[in-house]
Protein backbone atom coordinates (compact mmCIF):
# COMPACT_ATOMS: atom_id res chain seq x y z
CA MET A 1 0.00 0.00 0.00
CA ARG A 2 3.01 2.31 0.27
CA PRO A 3 2.81 3.59 -3.35
CA VAL A 4 -0.87 4.40 -2.85
CA LEU A 5 -0.40 6.27 0.44
CA ILE A 6 2.06 8.94 -0.68
CA PRO A 7 1.27 12.61 0.05
CA GLY A 8 -0.98 14.20 -2.51
CA ASN A 9 -2.61 11.05 -3.86
CA ILE A 10 -6.38 10.91 -3.99
CA VAL A 11 -7.87 7.67 -2.72
CA ASP A 12 -11.31 6.23 -2.17
CA VAL A 13 -11.65 4.78 1.33
CA GLU A 14 -14.29 2.35 2.48
CA LEU A 15 -14.34 1.92 6.25
CA ARG A 16 -16.12 -1.00 7.86
CA GLY A 17 -16.53 -1.79 11.50
CA ARG A 18 -18.37 -4.72 12.99
CA GLY A 19 -18.74 -3.33 16.45
CA ASP A 20 -17.31 -0.98 19.01
CA SER A 21 -14.96 -3.62 20.37
CA GLN A 22 -13.24 -4.32 17.02
CA LEU A 23 -10.95 -2.15 14.98
CA PRO A 24 -12.42 -0.92 11.71
CA PHE A 25 -11.27 -2.31 8.37
CA ALA A 26 -10.31 0.04 5.54
CA ARG A 27 -10.24 -0.70 1.83
CA LEU A 28 -8.32 1.81 -0.29
CA GLU A 29 -8.46 2.42 -4.01
CA LEU A 30 -6.21 4.87 -5.84
CA LYS A 31 -8.17 7.49 -7.80
CA GLU A 32 -5.41 9.90 -8.80
CA SER A 33 -1.67 9.55 -8.38
CA ARG A 34 0.78 12.37 -7.90
CA GLY A 35 3.68 9.91 -7.83
CA PRO A 36 5.36 11.22 -11.01
CA TRP A 37 5.96 14.61 -9.36
CA ILE A 38 7.59 13.14 -6.25
CA GLY A 39 10.78 12.72 -8.31
CA GLU A 40 10.97 16.49 -8.94
CA PRO A 41 12.67 18.16 -5.93
CA LEU A 42 10.75 21.44 -5.95
CA ALA A 43 7.35 19.90 -6.68
CA ALA A 44 7.95 17.15 -4.11
CA ALA A 45 8.82 19.73 -1.45
CA ALA A 46 5.68 21.74 -2.24
CA ILE A 47 3.43 18.66 -2.21
CA GLY A 48 4.99 17.50 1.05
CA TRP A 49 4.54 20.92 2.65
CA VAL A 50 0.87 21.52 1.78
CA CYS A 51 -0.08 17.95 2.73
CA ALA A 52 1.85 18.09 6.02
CA LEU A 53 0.35 21.49 6.87
CA THR A 54 -3.17 20.28 6.17
CA ALA A 55 -2.79 17.00 8.02
CA THR A 56 -1.29 18.74 11.03
CA VAL A 57 -3.51 21.77 11.55
CA VAL A 58 -6.99 20.85 10.33
CA PRO A 59 -9.02 19.48 13.26
CA GLU A 60 -10.37 15.97 12.82
CA ARG A 61 -14.06 15.51 12.08
CA ASN A 62 -14.54 19.17 11.19
CA PRO A 63 -15.57 19.74 7.58
CA TYR A 64 -13.68 22.43 5.73
CA PRO A 65 -14.99 22.16 2.15
CA SER A 66 -13.17 25.31 1.05
CA LEU A 67 -9.84 23.89 2.31
CA PHE A 68 -10.50 20.56 0.57
CA SER A 69 -11.21 22.30 -2.74
CA ALA A 70 -8.27 24.67 -2.36
CA LEU A 71 -5.88 21.84 -1.46
CA SER A 72 -6.96 19.91 -4.53
CA ALA A 73 -6.50 22.98 -6.74
CA THR A 74 -3.11 23.74 -5.20
CA LEU A 75 -1.89 20.19 -5.77
CA ASP A 76 -3.17 20.32 -9.36
CA ALA A 77 -1.33 23.60 -9.89
CA ILE A 78 1.90 22.18 -8.48
CA CYS A 79 1.64 19.13 -10.71
CA HIS A 80 0.54 20.78 -13.93
CA ALA A 81 2.20 24.21 -13.99
CA PRO A 82 5.33 24.37 -16.12
CA SER A 83 7.42 25.79 -13.26
CA ALA A 84 7.24 27.02 -9.68
CA ARG A 85 6.47 30.49 -10.98
CA GLY A 86 3.16 29.03 -12.15
CA TRP A 87 2.11 27.43 -8.85
CA LEU A 88 3.68 29.64 -6.17
CA ARG A 89 0.66 31.98 -6.19
CA ALA A 90 -1.65 29.00 -5.51
CA LEU A 91 0.56 27.78 -2.66
CA VAL A 92 0.72 31.20 -0.99
CA ALA A 93 -3.04 31.64 -1.42
CA TYR A 94 -3.60 28.21 0.15
CA GLU A 95 -1.48 29.11 3.19
CA ALA A 96 -3.45 32.34 3.56
CA LEU A 97 -6.74 30.43 3.31
CA VAL A 98 -5.64 27.96 6.00
CA LEU A 99 -4.70 30.83 8.30
CA ARG A 100 -8.01 32.62 7.64
CA GLU A 101 -10.20 29.51 7.99
CA LEU A 102 -8.62 28.72 11.36
CA GLY A 103 -8.92 32.33 12.55
CA TYR A 104 -5.40 33.76 12.23
CA GLY A 105 -5.52 36.16 9.24
CA GLY A 106 -3.19 35.57 6.33
CA ASN A 107 -1.84 37.70 3.48
CA GLN A 108 -3.61 37.00 0.20
CA PRO A 109 -1.46 37.63 -2.88
CA GLY A 110 -2.92 40.45 -4.91
CA GLY A 111 -3.54 40.64 -8.65
CA GLU A 112 -0.40 40.03 -10.65
CA ALA A 113 2.12 39.75 -7.83
CA GLU A 114 5.64 39.15 -9.10
CA LEU A 115 7.88 36.36 -7.93
CA GLU A 116 9.61 38.64 -5.40
CA ALA A 117 6.29 39.66 -3.84
CA LEU A 118 5.08 36.05 -3.66
CA LEU A 119 8.31 34.94 -1.98
CA GLU A 120 7.96 37.81 0.49
CA ILE A 121 4.39 36.78 1.37
CA PHE A 122 5.58 33.17 1.69
CA ALA A 123 8.26 34.34 4.15
CA ARG A 124 5.74 36.43 6.15
CA HIS A 125 3.40 33.45 6.57
CA ALA A 126 6.13 31.56 8.46
CA ALA A 127 5.63 33.48 11.72
CA PRO A 128 1.86 33.00 12.14
CA LEU A 129 2.06 29.40 10.98
CA GLU A 130 4.80 28.62 13.46
CA ARG A 131 3.37 30.70 16.32
CA TYR A 132 -0.30 29.79 16.10
CA LEU A 133 -1.04 26.70 14.04
CA LEU A 134 2.11 24.65 14.60
CA ALA A 135 3.06 25.91 18.07
CA ASP A 136 3.24 22.53 19.78
CA ARG A 137 4.20 20.34 16.83
CA ARG A 138 6.21 22.48 14.43
CA GLY A 139 9.49 20.52 14.17
CA ASP A 140 8.95 18.20 11.25
CA VAL A 141 6.28 20.27 9.54
CA MET A 142 8.25 23.51 9.63
CA ALA A 143 11.30 21.59 8.42
CA ALA A 144 9.30 20.66 5.31
CA ARG A 145 8.45 24.33 4.83
CA ALA A 146 12.07 25.40 5.35
CA MET A 147 13.21 22.91 2.72
CA LEU A 148 10.63 24.29 0.29
CA GLY A 149 11.73 27.85 1.09
CA GLU A 150 15.37 27.00 0.36
CA ARG A 151 14.42 25.47 -2.98
CA LEU A 152 12.24 28.44 -3.87
CA GLU A 153 15.11 30.84 -3.11
CA ARG A 154 17.16 29.08 -5.79
CA ILE A 155 14.68 30.12 -8.49
CA ARG A 156 15.10 33.75 -7.47
CA LEU A 157 18.71 33.71 -8.61
C-alpha cells in the first residue's frame, strides 16, 4: 500500500466496522496519483509541505470544504504548472486560506504579484504558521516548509 499512500494522492476509502470492540477495516483504491511529481525536488517539497500542513492543523471531524477544494486545486497547480512560478501563487493563497479559515488572518497575494512579492508573502506566513497553528508540533512540519523555502530561493537567482 506504500505507493498508494504517498502525500498528494487521492484515494477512495471504504471503512467497515463490525462493532465498538473491534478495529475498523479500511479498503483503499487509488483514484489519482501524484507519484510522477515526487521525483521532482521542488514539486515534491511543495506537495509535502501543503499535505503536512493540512494533516497537522486541520481538526479531525470538522468539515472544511473550502480547504479541501483549495488543497486539490493547489496540488493540481503544483503538478501541472510548467514551473514554480506558475504554482507559487496558488501555494501562498492556500497558506493564507488555512490561516483565515482557522482564525489567524493571512496575506492573500494580490492581482499580478511578481515572484519577489510572492516569496515575500511566503516568508511572512512563516511566523503565524509557526506561532499559532504549529506551536506545539512544528518541528517536522516547519522543516518541510524550510526545505521548500530553500528550494524556492534558488529560483530567485
